Amino acid sequence: MDVASNAIATSRELSGRRLDTGRRLLKAARQLFVERGYHATRPQDIARAAGVATGTFYLYFADKEAAFLAFAEQVQHQLTAEYQANLIGIVGLEDRLTVILRTLASFAARYPGVLHVASSDPIAVAPDEPRAWRIYDRLGEFLSLALGGERAASTFDLELVSHALCGFIGAASAFAARKSVAIDVLIDNVVRFVSGALHAAQTGLPASSSHPNATERRRPA
């Protein structure tokens, strides 16, 4: 191997090592932020868990805040990739929303606590950081993802409603967990509620429901 080839091989090896170290740091950060929370996690803790010196942490992240935002972005990209893969060939709001919610439930079950920390804390951690707000703003794409190529009622602000739905789904999920409501029941209720609201807005008429648990309106005696 000549000098030039040797230099290229050495460069590739160093790049590979840097990539591996970065992955280990991000993996350690993810674990500690979920287990301990942002404030109880220190850069030296992340470095120690990754098996590197504290100084190495600062070669990859400017500070703890940057490490947290990198973790939140990683989770968001991972979940979005799962959405997109599972939605291939799925059409119609109800079917697409069902797939999205099942993907969300599966992700939360496989990675306990990760989604909650990654989606709710970036703004609290870095309120003046545009990167944190970009993570938060992507929640506004939720309804557009569910609609696919369909058109929603023009009276809806899709971003605004998407943020409202994310909060609604989070609260409903917490309630379902506390009351031991089956995930299928939760998903069915959310899908029927959202599709019914969109139908009513588009047609000007309430969506009918023949569901056995639908509450009947009683006339006053």
N, C-alpha and C. Protein backbone atom coordinates (compact mmCIF):
# COMPACT_ATOMS: atom_id res chain seq x y z
N MET A 1 0.85 -1.20 0.00
CA MET A 1 0.00 0.00 0.00
C MET A 1 0.89 1.24 0.00
N ASP A 2 0.66 2.17 -0.96
CA ASP A 2 1.48 3.37 -1.03
C ASP A 2 1.04 4.37 0.03
N VAL A 3 1.76 5.48 0.13
CA VAL A 3 1.50 6.49 1.16
C VAL A 3 0.09 7.06 1.04
N ALA A 4 -0.32 7.38 -0.21
CA ALA A 4 -1.64 7.98 -0.44
C ALA A 4 -2.75 7.02 -0.02
N SER A 5 -2.63 5.75 -0.42
CA SER A 5 -3.64 4.76 -0.07
C SER A 5 -3.71 4.54 1.43
N ASN A 6 -2.52 4.53 2.06
CA ASN A 6 -2.46 4.36 3.51
C ASN A 6 -3.14 5.52 4.22
N ALA A 7 -2.96 6.74 3.71
CA ALA A 7 -3.57 7.92 4.32
C ALA A 7 -5.09 7.86 4.20
N ILE A 8 -5.58 7.40 3.04
CA ILE A 8 -7.02 7.28 2.82
C ILE A 8 -7.62 6.25 3.77
N ALA A 9 -6.92 5.12 3.91
CA ALA A 9 -7.40 4.07 4.79
C ALA A 9 -7.44 4.55 6.24
N THR A 10 -6.41 5.28 6.65
CA THR A 10 -6.36 5.81 8.01
C THR A 10 -7.49 6.81 8.24
N SER A 11 -7.75 7.65 7.25
CA SER A 11 -8.82 8.64 7.35
C SER A 11 -10.17 7.96 7.50
N ARG A 12 -10.40 6.92 6.71
CA ARG A 12 -11.67 6.19 6.81
C ARG A 12 -11.83 5.53 8.17
N GLU A 13 -10.72 4.99 8.68
CA GLU A 13 -10.76 4.33 9.98
C GLU A 13 -11.11 5.34 11.08
N LEU A 14 -10.49 6.51 11.00
CA LEU A 14 -10.77 7.55 11.99
C LEU A 14 -12.21 8.03 11.89
N SER A 15 -12.71 8.16 10.65
CA SER A 15 -14.09 8.58 10.46
C SER A 15 -15.05 7.55 11.04
N GLY A 16 -14.71 6.27 10.82
CA GLY A 16 -15.54 5.20 11.37
C GLY A 16 -15.56 5.22 12.89
N ARG A 17 -14.39 5.48 13.48
CA ARG A 17 -14.31 5.55 14.94
C ARG A 17 -15.10 6.73 15.49
N ARG A 18 -15.01 7.87 14.80
CA ARG A 18 -15.76 9.06 15.22
C ARG A 18 -17.26 8.80 15.16
N LEU A 19 -17.69 8.14 14.10
CA LEU A 19 -19.12 7.84 13.94
C LEU A 19 -19.58 6.90 15.03
N ASP A 20 -18.77 5.89 15.34
CA ASP A 20 -19.13 4.93 16.39
C ASP A 20 -19.19 5.63 17.75
N THR A 21 -18.23 6.52 18.03
CA THR A 21 -18.24 7.24 19.31
C THR A 21 -19.47 8.14 19.41
N GLY A 22 -19.81 8.82 18.32
CA GLY A 22 -20.99 9.67 18.31
C GLY A 22 -22.25 8.89 18.58
N ARG A 23 -22.36 7.72 18.00
CA ARG A 23 -23.53 6.87 18.22
C ARG A 23 -23.61 6.41 19.67
N ARG A 24 -22.46 6.05 20.24
CA ARG A 24 -22.46 5.60 21.64
C ARG A 24 -22.84 6.74 22.58
N LEU A 25 -22.37 7.94 22.29
CA LEU A 25 -22.73 9.09 23.12
C LEU A 25 -24.22 9.39 23.03
N LEU A 26 -24.77 9.33 21.83
CA LEU A 26 -26.19 9.62 21.65
C LEU A 26 -27.05 8.53 22.29
N LYS A 27 -26.61 7.29 22.20
CA LYS A 27 -27.32 6.19 22.84
C LYS A 27 -27.32 6.35 24.36
N ALA A 28 -26.18 6.74 24.91
CA ALA A 28 -26.07 6.95 26.36
C ALA A 28 -26.93 8.14 26.79
N ALA A 29 -26.91 9.21 26.00
CA ALA A 29 -27.71 10.39 26.31
C ALA A 29 -29.19 10.03 26.32
N ARG A 30 -29.61 9.28 25.33
CA ARG A 30 -31.02 8.85 25.24
C ARG A 30 -31.44 8.07 26.48
N GLN A 31 -30.61 7.14 26.89
CA GLN A 31 -30.92 6.31 28.06
C GLN A 31 -31.00 7.15 29.33
N LEU A 32 -30.04 8.03 29.53
CA LEU A 32 -29.98 8.80 30.77
C LEU A 32 -31.06 9.89 30.83
N PHE A 33 -31.35 10.53 29.71
CA PHE A 33 -32.39 11.56 29.71
C PHE A 33 -33.75 10.94 30.06
N VAL A 34 -33.98 9.73 29.59
CA VAL A 34 -35.25 9.05 29.88
C VAL A 34 -35.28 8.56 31.32
N GLU A 35 -34.18 7.98 31.79
CA GLU A 35 -34.15 7.41 33.14
C GLU A 35 -34.09 8.48 34.23
N ARG A 36 -33.27 9.53 34.02
CA ARG A 36 -33.03 10.51 35.07
C ARG A 36 -33.72 11.85 34.83
N GLY A 37 -34.03 12.13 33.57
CA GLY A 37 -34.53 13.45 33.23
C GLY A 37 -33.40 14.37 32.83
N TYR A 38 -33.74 15.47 32.21
CA TYR A 38 -32.72 16.39 31.68
C TYR A 38 -31.84 16.97 32.77
N HIS A 39 -32.46 17.51 33.81
CA HIS A 39 -31.72 18.26 34.83
C HIS A 39 -30.79 17.38 35.67
N ALA A 40 -31.16 16.11 35.84
CA ALA A 40 -30.33 15.22 36.66
C ALA A 40 -29.23 14.53 35.87
N THR A 41 -29.19 14.77 34.59
CA THR A 41 -28.16 14.16 33.73
C THR A 41 -27.06 15.17 33.44
N ARG A 42 -25.81 14.77 33.66
CA ARG A 42 -24.65 15.65 33.40
C ARG A 42 -23.85 15.14 32.22
N PRO A 43 -23.14 16.03 31.54
CA PRO A 43 -22.30 15.59 30.42
C PRO A 43 -21.33 14.48 30.81
N GLN A 44 -20.75 14.58 32.01
CA GLN A 44 -19.81 13.54 32.43
C GLN A 44 -20.50 12.19 32.63
N ASP A 45 -21.79 12.22 33.00
CA ASP A 45 -22.54 10.96 33.13
C ASP A 45 -22.73 10.31 31.76
N ILE A 46 -23.04 11.13 30.77
CA ILE A 46 -23.22 10.62 29.41
C ILE A 46 -21.92 10.05 28.88
N ALA A 47 -20.82 10.77 29.10
CA ALA A 47 -19.51 10.31 28.65
C ALA A 47 -19.15 8.98 29.32
N ARG A 48 -19.38 8.91 30.62
CA ARG A 48 -19.05 7.68 31.37
C ARG A 48 -19.87 6.50 30.84
N ALA A 49 -21.16 6.73 30.61
CA ALA A 49 -22.01 5.65 30.12
C ALA A 49 -21.61 5.21 28.72
N ALA A 50 -21.06 6.13 27.94
CA ALA A 50 -20.62 5.81 26.58
C ALA A 50 -19.21 5.22 26.56
N GLY A 51 -18.52 5.25 27.71
CA GLY A 51 -17.18 4.69 27.79
C GLY A 51 -16.11 5.58 27.22
N VAL A 52 -16.32 6.90 27.30
CA VAL A 52 -15.32 7.84 26.78
C VAL A 52 -15.02 8.89 27.85
N ALA A 53 -13.98 9.68 27.61
CA ALA A 53 -13.63 10.75 28.54
C ALA A 53 -14.62 11.90 28.40
N THR A 54 -14.77 12.69 29.48
CA THR A 54 -15.70 13.82 29.46
C THR A 54 -15.36 14.79 28.35
N GLY A 55 -14.06 15.01 28.12
CA GLY A 55 -13.65 15.93 27.06
C GLY A 55 -14.13 15.49 25.69
N THR A 56 -14.27 14.19 25.49
CA THR A 56 -14.73 13.67 24.20
C THR A 56 -16.18 14.08 23.93
N PHE A 57 -16.96 14.18 25.01
CA PHE A 57 -18.36 14.62 24.86
C PHE A 57 -18.43 15.95 24.12
N TYR A 58 -17.52 16.87 24.48
CA TYR A 58 -17.56 18.22 23.90
C TYR A 58 -16.99 18.29 22.49
N LEU A 59 -16.44 17.18 22.01
CA LEU A 59 -16.05 17.12 20.61
C LEU A 59 -17.26 16.88 19.71
N TYR A 60 -18.34 16.40 20.31
CA TYR A 60 -19.54 16.04 19.56
C TYR A 60 -20.73 16.96 19.85
N PHE A 61 -20.78 17.50 21.06
CA PHE A 61 -21.89 18.36 21.46
C PHE A 61 -21.35 19.61 22.15
N ALA A 62 -21.93 20.75 21.83
CA ALA A 62 -21.48 21.99 22.45
C ALA A 62 -21.76 22.00 23.94
N ASP A 63 -22.88 21.39 24.34
CA ASP A 63 -23.26 21.33 25.75
C ASP A 63 -24.35 20.28 25.91
N LYS A 64 -24.87 20.17 27.12
CA LYS A 64 -25.91 19.17 27.40
C LYS A 64 -27.18 19.46 26.61
N GLU A 65 -27.49 20.73 26.45
CA GLU A 65 -28.69 21.12 25.70
C GLU A 65 -28.62 20.60 24.27
N ALA A 66 -27.45 20.73 23.64
CA ALA A 66 -27.27 20.25 22.27
C ALA A 66 -27.43 18.73 22.19
N ALA A 67 -26.95 18.03 23.20
CA ALA A 67 -27.09 16.58 23.23
C ALA A 67 -28.56 16.19 23.36
N PHE A 68 -29.30 16.95 24.17
CA PHE A 68 -30.72 16.65 24.34
C PHE A 68 -31.49 16.87 23.05
N LEU A 69 -31.21 17.96 22.36
CA LEU A 69 -31.92 18.25 21.11
C LEU A 69 -31.57 17.22 20.04
N ALA A 70 -30.33 16.74 20.04
CA ALA A 70 -29.94 15.69 19.10
C ALA A 70 -30.72 14.41 19.39
N PHE A 71 -30.90 14.11 20.66
CA PHE A 71 -31.70 12.94 21.07
C PHE A 71 -33.15 13.09 20.62
N ALA A 72 -33.74 14.27 20.86
CA ALA A 72 -35.14 14.51 20.49
C ALA A 72 -35.34 14.40 18.98
N GLU A 73 -34.39 14.94 18.21
CA GLU A 73 -34.47 14.86 16.75
C GLU A 73 -34.34 13.41 16.28
N GLN A 74 -33.47 12.67 16.91
CA GLN A 74 -33.28 11.27 16.54
C GLN A 74 -34.57 10.49 16.73
N VAL A 75 -35.23 10.70 17.86
CA VAL A 75 -36.48 10.00 18.15
C VAL A 75 -37.55 10.39 17.13
N GLN A 76 -37.65 11.67 16.84
CA GLN A 76 -38.64 12.15 15.89
C GLN A 76 -38.42 11.56 14.50
N HIS A 77 -37.17 11.53 14.04
CA HIS A 77 -36.86 10.96 12.73
C HIS A 77 -37.15 9.46 12.71
N GLN A 78 -36.85 8.79 13.80
CA GLN A 78 -37.09 7.35 13.88
C GLN A 78 -38.58 7.04 13.80
N LEU A 79 -39.39 7.80 14.52
CA LEU A 79 -40.83 7.58 14.52
C LEU A 79 -41.42 7.92 13.15
N THR A 80 -40.98 9.02 12.55
CA THR A 80 -41.48 9.41 11.23
C THR A 80 -41.16 8.36 10.18
N ALA A 81 -39.98 7.77 10.27
CA ALA A 81 -39.59 6.71 9.32
C ALA A 81 -40.51 5.50 9.48
N GLU A 82 -40.88 5.18 10.70
CA GLU A 82 -41.79 4.06 10.93
C GLU A 82 -43.19 4.37 10.39
N TYR A 83 -43.65 5.60 10.61
CA TYR A 83 -44.93 6.02 10.03
C TYR A 83 -44.94 5.79 8.53
N GLN A 84 -43.93 6.34 7.87
CA GLN A 84 -43.89 6.32 6.41
C GLN A 84 -43.81 4.89 5.87
N ALA A 85 -43.04 4.04 6.54
CA ALA A 85 -42.92 2.65 6.10
C ALA A 85 -44.25 1.91 6.26
N ASN A 86 -44.94 2.15 7.36
CA ASN A 86 -46.19 1.45 7.64
C ASN A 86 -47.37 1.99 6.83
N LEU A 87 -47.26 3.21 6.31
CA LEU A 87 -48.35 3.82 5.56
C LEU A 87 -48.30 3.52 4.06
N ILE A 88 -47.27 2.83 3.62
CA ILE A 88 -47.16 2.51 2.20
C ILE A 88 -48.38 1.69 1.76
N GLY A 89 -49.09 2.19 0.76
CA GLY A 89 -50.25 1.47 0.24
C GLY A 89 -51.54 1.68 1.01
N ILE A 90 -51.49 2.46 2.10
CA ILE A 90 -52.69 2.69 2.91
C ILE A 90 -53.35 3.99 2.46
N VAL A 91 -54.65 3.91 2.16
CA VAL A 91 -55.39 5.09 1.72
C VAL A 91 -56.62 5.28 2.61
N GLY A 92 -57.12 6.52 2.63
CA GLY A 92 -58.31 6.81 3.43
C GLY A 92 -57.92 7.26 4.83
N LEU A 93 -58.60 8.31 5.30
CA LEU A 93 -58.27 8.90 6.59
C LEU A 93 -58.33 7.90 7.73
N GLU A 94 -59.42 7.15 7.83
CA GLU A 94 -59.58 6.25 8.96
C GLU A 94 -58.51 5.17 8.99
N ASP A 95 -58.21 4.58 7.84
CA ASP A 95 -57.19 3.53 7.79
C ASP A 95 -55.80 4.10 8.06
N ARG A 96 -55.51 5.27 7.50
CA ARG A 96 -54.19 5.88 7.72
C ARG A 96 -54.02 6.31 9.17
N LEU A 97 -55.06 6.89 9.75
CA LEU A 97 -54.97 7.32 11.15
C LEU A 97 -54.83 6.11 12.07
N THR A 98 -55.51 5.02 11.74
CA THR A 98 -55.39 3.79 12.53
C THR A 98 -53.96 3.27 12.51
N VAL A 99 -53.35 3.27 11.31
CA VAL A 99 -51.96 2.81 11.18
C VAL A 99 -51.02 3.71 11.98
N ILE A 100 -51.24 5.02 11.89
CA ILE A 100 -50.39 5.96 12.61
C ILE A 100 -50.48 5.72 14.12
N LEU A 101 -51.69 5.56 14.62
CA LEU A 101 -51.87 5.36 16.06
C LEU A 101 -51.32 4.02 16.52
N ARG A 102 -51.44 3.00 15.69
CA ARG A 102 -50.86 1.70 16.05
C ARG A 102 -49.33 1.77 16.05
N THR A 103 -48.79 2.51 15.09
CA THR A 103 -47.33 2.70 15.05
C THR A 103 -46.87 3.45 16.29
N LEU A 104 -47.61 4.48 16.66
CA LEU A 104 -47.29 5.27 17.84
C LEU A 104 -47.33 4.41 19.10
N ALA A 105 -48.38 3.59 19.22
CA ALA A 105 -48.52 2.72 20.39
C ALA A 105 -47.40 1.69 20.45
N SER A 106 -47.04 1.14 19.29
CA SER A 106 -45.97 0.15 19.23
C SER A 106 -44.63 0.78 19.63
N PHE A 107 -44.38 1.98 19.12
CA PHE A 107 -43.14 2.69 19.44
C PHE A 107 -43.05 2.95 20.95
N ALA A 108 -44.15 3.43 21.52
CA ALA A 108 -44.16 3.74 22.96
C ALA A 108 -43.96 2.48 23.81
N ALA A 109 -44.49 1.36 23.35
CA ALA A 109 -44.34 0.10 24.09
C ALA A 109 -42.91 -0.43 24.00
N ARG A 110 -42.28 -0.25 22.83
CA ARG A 110 -40.90 -0.75 22.64
C ARG A 110 -39.86 0.12 23.32
N TYR A 111 -40.17 1.42 23.43
CA TYR A 111 -39.22 2.36 24.03
C TYR A 111 -39.92 3.16 25.13
N PRO A 112 -40.16 2.55 26.27
CA PRO A 112 -40.91 3.22 27.34
C PRO A 112 -40.28 4.55 27.76
N GLY A 113 -41.11 5.57 27.81
CA GLY A 113 -40.67 6.88 28.29
C GLY A 113 -39.98 7.75 27.25
N VAL A 114 -39.48 7.15 26.18
CA VAL A 114 -38.69 7.89 25.19
C VAL A 114 -39.52 8.95 24.50
N LEU A 115 -40.70 8.57 24.02
CA LEU A 115 -41.53 9.48 23.26
C LEU A 115 -42.00 10.66 24.10
N HIS A 116 -42.35 10.37 25.34
CA HIS A 116 -42.83 11.44 26.23
C HIS A 116 -41.74 12.48 26.47
N VAL A 117 -40.54 12.02 26.78
CA VAL A 117 -39.43 12.94 27.07
C VAL A 117 -39.03 13.71 25.81
N ALA A 118 -38.92 13.00 24.69
CA ALA A 118 -38.45 13.64 23.47
C ALA A 118 -39.43 14.65 22.89
N SER A 119 -40.73 14.42 23.09
CA SER A 119 -41.72 15.30 22.46
C SER A 119 -42.19 16.43 23.36
N SER A 120 -42.06 16.27 24.67
CA SER A 120 -42.62 17.29 25.57
C SER A 120 -41.57 18.23 26.17
N ASP A 121 -40.31 17.83 26.18
CA ASP A 121 -39.30 18.61 26.90
C ASP A 121 -38.45 19.58 26.08
N PRO A 122 -38.32 19.46 24.76
CA PRO A 122 -37.40 20.37 24.04
C PRO A 122 -37.66 21.84 24.27
N ILE A 123 -38.92 22.27 24.28
CA ILE A 123 -39.23 23.68 24.48
C ILE A 123 -38.89 24.12 25.90
N ALA A 124 -39.15 23.25 26.87
CA ALA A 124 -38.83 23.58 28.25
C ALA A 124 -37.32 23.66 28.46
N VAL A 125 -36.58 22.80 27.76
CA VAL A 125 -35.13 22.76 27.89
C VAL A 125 -34.47 23.95 27.19
N ALA A 126 -34.97 24.27 25.99
CA ALA A 126 -34.32 25.31 25.18
C ALA A 126 -35.36 26.23 24.54
N PRO A 127 -36.04 27.05 25.35
CA PRO A 127 -37.12 27.90 24.81
C PRO A 127 -36.66 28.94 23.80
N ASP A 128 -35.39 29.30 23.83
CA ASP A 128 -34.88 30.31 22.90
C ASP A 128 -34.11 29.72 21.73
N GLU A 129 -34.14 28.41 21.61
CA GLU A 129 -33.38 27.72 20.57
C GLU A 129 -34.29 27.37 19.39
N PRO A 130 -34.06 27.93 18.20
CA PRO A 130 -34.90 27.63 17.03
C PRO A 130 -34.99 26.13 16.73
N ARG A 131 -33.91 25.42 17.00
CA ARG A 131 -33.90 23.98 16.74
C ARG A 131 -34.95 23.27 17.58
N ALA A 132 -35.14 23.71 18.82
CA ALA A 132 -36.16 23.11 19.69
C ALA A 132 -37.55 23.38 19.14
N TRP A 133 -37.78 24.58 18.65
CA TRP A 133 -39.09 24.92 18.10
C TRP A 133 -39.36 24.18 16.80
N ARG A 134 -38.33 23.87 16.03
CA ARG A 134 -38.53 23.08 14.82
C ARG A 134 -39.00 21.68 15.17
N ILE A 135 -38.44 21.12 16.24
CA ILE A 135 -38.88 19.80 16.71
C ILE A 135 -40.35 19.87 17.10
N TYR A 136 -40.70 20.90 17.84
CA TYR A 136 -42.08 21.07 18.30
C TYR A 136 -43.02 21.29 17.12
N ASP A 137 -42.61 22.11 16.17
CA ASP A 137 -43.48 22.46 15.04
C ASP A 137 -43.80 21.25 14.16
N ARG A 138 -42.93 20.25 14.15
CA ARG A 138 -43.19 19.07 13.32
C ARG A 138 -44.42 18.31 13.80
N LEU A 139 -44.85 18.54 15.04
CA LEU A 139 -46.09 17.92 15.51
C LEU A 139 -47.27 18.41 14.68
N GLY A 140 -47.11 19.58 14.08
CA GLY A 140 -48.17 20.14 13.26
C GLY A 140 -48.38 19.41 11.94
N GLU A 141 -47.52 18.44 11.64
CA GLU A 141 -47.65 17.66 10.41
C GLU A 141 -48.50 16.41 10.60
N PHE A 142 -48.96 16.18 11.84
CA PHE A 142 -49.64 14.93 12.19
C PHE A 142 -50.88 14.70 11.33
N LEU A 143 -51.76 15.69 11.26
CA LEU A 143 -53.02 15.52 10.53
C LEU A 143 -52.79 15.41 9.02
N SER A 144 -51.84 16.18 8.50
CA SER A 144 -51.52 16.09 7.07
C SER A 144 -51.03 14.69 6.72
N LEU A 145 -50.27 14.08 7.62
CA LEU A 145 -49.78 12.72 7.41
C LEU A 145 -50.95 11.74 7.37
N ALA A 146 -51.92 11.95 8.26
CA ALA A 146 -53.09 11.07 8.31
C ALA A 146 -53.97 11.24 7.07
N LEU A 147 -54.08 12.46 6.60
CA LEU A 147 -54.92 12.73 5.43
C LEU A 147 -54.31 12.20 4.14
N GLY A 148 -52.99 12.15 4.08
CA GLY A 148 -52.34 11.73 2.85
C GLY A 148 -52.65 12.72 1.75
N GLY A 149 -53.22 12.24 0.66
CA GLY A 149 -53.56 13.13 -0.45
C GLY A 149 -54.95 13.71 -0.36
N GLU A 150 -55.70 13.35 0.69
CA GLU A 150 -57.06 13.85 0.81
C GLU A 150 -57.07 15.32 1.22
N ARG A 151 -58.15 15.98 0.92
CA ARG A 151 -58.30 17.38 1.31
C ARG A 151 -59.16 17.47 2.56
N ALA A 152 -58.77 18.32 3.48
CA ALA A 152 -59.55 18.55 4.69
C ALA A 152 -60.44 19.77 4.47
N ALA A 153 -61.40 19.96 5.37
CA ALA A 153 -62.26 21.12 5.28
C ALA A 153 -61.43 22.40 5.33
N SER A 154 -61.78 23.35 4.48
CA SER A 154 -60.99 24.57 4.38
C SER A 154 -61.05 25.40 5.65
N THR A 155 -62.04 25.10 6.51
CA THR A 155 -62.16 25.86 7.75
C THR A 155 -61.12 25.45 8.78
N PHE A 156 -60.42 24.34 8.53
CA PHE A 156 -59.45 23.84 9.50
C PHE A 156 -58.06 24.41 9.23
N ASP A 157 -57.38 24.82 10.28
CA ASP A 157 -55.95 25.09 10.24
C ASP A 157 -55.28 23.77 10.61
N LEU A 158 -54.72 23.07 9.63
CA LEU A 158 -54.21 21.73 9.87
C LEU A 158 -53.13 21.68 10.94
N GLU A 159 -52.24 22.68 10.96
CA GLU A 159 -51.19 22.69 11.97
C GLU A 159 -51.78 22.87 13.37
N LEU A 160 -52.70 23.79 13.49
CA LEU A 160 -53.33 24.05 14.79
C LEU A 160 -54.06 22.82 15.29
N VAL A 161 -54.86 22.20 14.42
CA VAL A 161 -55.62 21.02 14.82
C VAL A 161 -54.68 19.85 15.12
N SER A 162 -53.58 19.75 14.38
CA SER A 162 -52.62 18.68 14.63
C SER A 162 -52.02 18.77 16.03
N HIS A 163 -51.66 19.99 16.44
CA HIS A 163 -51.13 20.17 17.79
C HIS A 163 -52.19 19.82 18.84
N ALA A 164 -53.43 20.21 18.57
CA ALA A 164 -54.51 19.88 19.49
C ALA A 164 -54.70 18.37 19.58
N LEU A 165 -54.62 17.68 18.45
CA LEU A 165 -54.79 16.23 18.43
C LEU A 165 -53.67 15.53 19.20
N CYS A 166 -52.45 16.04 19.05
CA CYS A 166 -51.32 15.43 19.79
C CYS A 166 -51.56 15.51 21.29
N GLY A 167 -52.04 16.68 21.76
CA GLY A 167 -52.36 16.82 23.17
C GLY A 167 -53.51 15.93 23.57
N PHE A 168 -54.52 15.86 22.72
CA PHE A 168 -55.70 15.03 22.97
C PHE A 168 -55.31 13.55 23.07
N ILE A 169 -54.50 13.09 22.13
CA ILE A 169 -54.08 11.69 22.12
C ILE A 169 -53.22 11.37 23.34
N GLY A 170 -52.34 12.32 23.71
CA GLY A 170 -51.50 12.10 24.89
C GLY A 170 -52.32 11.97 26.15
N ALA A 171 -53.32 12.86 26.32
CA ALA A 171 -54.18 12.81 27.50
C ALA A 171 -55.03 11.55 27.49
N ALA A 172 -55.56 11.19 26.31
CA ALA A 172 -56.39 9.99 26.20
C ALA A 172 -55.58 8.74 26.50
N SER A 173 -54.32 8.72 26.07
CA SER A 173 -53.45 7.57 26.32
C SER A 173 -53.17 7.41 27.81
N ALA A 174 -52.94 8.54 28.49
CA ALA A 174 -52.69 8.49 29.93
C ALA A 174 -53.92 7.98 30.66
N PHE A 175 -55.09 8.45 30.25
CA PHE A 175 -56.35 7.99 30.86
C PHE A 175 -56.55 6.50 30.60
N ALA A 176 -56.31 6.06 29.35
CA ALA A 176 -56.49 4.65 29.01
C ALA A 176 -55.58 3.75 29.82
N ALA A 177 -54.34 4.20 30.02
CA ALA A 177 -53.38 3.41 30.81
C ALA A 177 -53.84 3.31 32.27
N ARG A 178 -54.32 4.42 32.80
CA ARG A 178 -54.76 4.43 34.21
C ARG A 178 -56.01 3.58 34.42
N LYS A 179 -56.90 3.56 33.43
CA LYS A 179 -58.16 2.83 33.54
C LYS A 179 -58.10 1.45 32.89
N SER A 180 -56.92 1.05 32.42
CA SER A 180 -56.73 -0.25 31.76
C SER A 180 -57.64 -0.42 30.55
N VAL A 181 -57.79 0.65 29.78
CA VAL A 181 -58.57 0.59 28.54
C VAL A 181 -57.70 -0.03 27.46
N ALA A 182 -58.23 -0.99 26.74
CA ALA A 182 -57.46 -1.67 25.69
C ALA A 182 -57.06 -0.68 24.61
N ILE A 183 -55.86 -0.89 24.04
CA ILE A 183 -55.34 0.03 23.03
C ILE A 183 -56.25 0.07 21.81
N ASP A 184 -56.87 -1.08 21.46
CA ASP A 184 -57.77 -1.11 20.31
C ASP A 184 -58.99 -0.22 20.54
N VAL A 185 -59.47 -0.18 21.78
CA VAL A 185 -60.62 0.67 22.12
C VAL A 185 -60.22 2.14 22.02
N LEU A 186 -59.05 2.46 22.53
CA LEU A 186 -58.55 3.84 22.45
C LEU A 186 -58.44 4.28 21.00
N ILE A 187 -57.80 3.47 20.17
CA ILE A 187 -57.60 3.82 18.77
C ILE A 187 -58.93 3.97 18.05
N ASP A 188 -59.85 3.04 18.30
CA ASP A 188 -61.16 3.10 17.65
C ASP A 188 -61.89 4.40 17.99
N ASN A 189 -61.86 4.79 19.25
CA ASN A 189 -62.54 6.02 19.68
C ASN A 189 -61.91 7.26 19.06
N VAL A 190 -60.57 7.30 19.04
CA VAL A 190 -59.88 8.47 18.48
C VAL A 190 -60.15 8.57 16.98
N VAL A 191 -60.06 7.45 16.27
CA VAL A 191 -60.28 7.47 14.82
C VAL A 191 -61.69 7.90 14.48
N ARG A 192 -62.68 7.36 15.18
CA ARG A 192 -64.06 7.74 14.89
C ARG A 192 -64.33 9.19 15.24
N PHE A 193 -63.72 9.68 16.32
CA PHE A 193 -63.92 11.08 16.71
C PHE A 193 -63.33 12.03 15.67
N VAL A 194 -62.10 11.77 15.25
CA VAL A 194 -61.43 12.66 14.29
C VAL A 194 -62.12 12.61 12.93
N SER A 195 -62.41 11.41 12.44
CA SER A 195 -63.05 11.30 11.12
C SER A 195 -64.45 11.89 11.16
N GLY A 196 -65.15 11.75 12.29
CA GLY A 196 -66.48 12.33 12.42
C GLY A 196 -66.44 13.84 12.41
N ALA A 197 -65.44 14.41 13.09
CA ALA A 197 -65.31 15.87 13.13
C ALA A 197 -65.00 16.42 11.74
N LEU A 198 -64.13 15.74 11.00
CA LEU A 198 -63.79 16.19 9.65
C LEU A 198 -65.00 16.06 8.72
N HIS A 199 -65.73 14.97 8.87
CA HIS A 199 -66.92 14.77 8.04
C HIS A 199 -67.94 15.87 8.30
N ALA A 200 -68.17 16.19 9.56
CA ALA A 200 -69.13 17.22 9.91
C ALA A 200 -68.71 18.58 9.35
N ALA A 201 -67.42 18.87 9.41
CA ALA A 201 -66.94 20.16 8.92
C ALA A 201 -67.05 20.26 7.40
N GLN A 202 -66.85 19.15 6.72
CA GLN A 202 -66.89 19.16 5.27
C GLN A 202 -68.30 19.18 4.70
N THR A 203 -69.24 18.51 5.40
CA THR A 203 -70.60 18.39 4.88
C THR A 203 -71.58 19.33 5.55
N GLY A 204 -71.20 19.83 6.72
CA GLY A 204 -72.13 20.66 7.47
C GLY A 204 -73.14 19.85 8.25
N LEU A 205 -72.98 18.51 8.23
CA LEU A 205 -73.90 17.63 8.93
C LEU A 205 -73.13 16.78 9.93
N PRO A 206 -73.75 16.45 11.07
CA PRO A 206 -73.06 15.59 12.04
C PRO A 206 -72.90 14.19 11.49
N ALA A 207 -71.78 13.58 11.80
CA ALA A 207 -71.56 12.19 11.38
C ALA A 207 -72.39 11.28 12.24
N SER A 208 -73.15 10.36 11.61
CA SER A 208 -73.98 9.45 12.37
C SER A 208 -73.12 8.38 13.00
N SER A 209 -73.57 7.85 14.11
CA SER A 209 -72.81 6.79 14.78
C SER A 209 -73.76 5.70 15.22
N SER A 210 -73.47 4.48 14.79
CA SER A 210 -74.28 3.34 15.20
C SER A 210 -73.52 2.48 16.20
N HIS A 211 -72.42 3.03 16.72
CA HIS A 211 -71.60 2.29 17.67
C HIS A 211 -72.42 1.98 18.91
N PRO A 212 -72.37 0.74 19.43
CA PRO A 212 -73.19 0.35 20.58
C PRO A 212 -72.94 1.17 21.83
N ASN A 213 -71.77 1.78 21.95
CA ASN A 213 -71.48 2.58 23.14
C ASN A 213 -71.79 4.06 22.94
N ALA A 214 -72.32 4.43 21.75
CA ALA A 214 -72.62 5.83 21.50
C ALA A 214 -73.70 6.30 22.47
N THR A 215 -73.50 7.45 23.07
CA THR A 215 -74.44 7.98 24.06
C THR A 215 -75.65 8.59 23.36
N GLU A 216 -76.83 8.17 23.74
CA GLU A 216 -78.05 8.71 23.16
C GLU A 216 -78.44 9.98 23.90
N ARG A 217 -78.92 10.96 23.15
CA ARG A 217 -79.36 12.21 23.76
C ARG A 217 -80.76 12.01 24.33
N ARG A 218 -80.90 12.30 25.60
CA ARG A 218 -82.21 12.12 26.24
C ARG A 218 -83.02 13.39 26.20
N ARG A 219 -84.32 13.21 25.98
CA ARG A 219 -85.21 14.36 26.01
C ARG A 219 -85.56 14.67 27.46
N PRO A 220 -85.69 15.97 27.78
CA PRO A 220 -86.09 16.28 29.15
C PRO A 220 -87.48 15.79 29.46
N ALA A 221 -87.66 15.35 30.67
CA ALA A 221 -88.98 14.79 31.06
C ALA A 221 -90.02 15.89 31.09
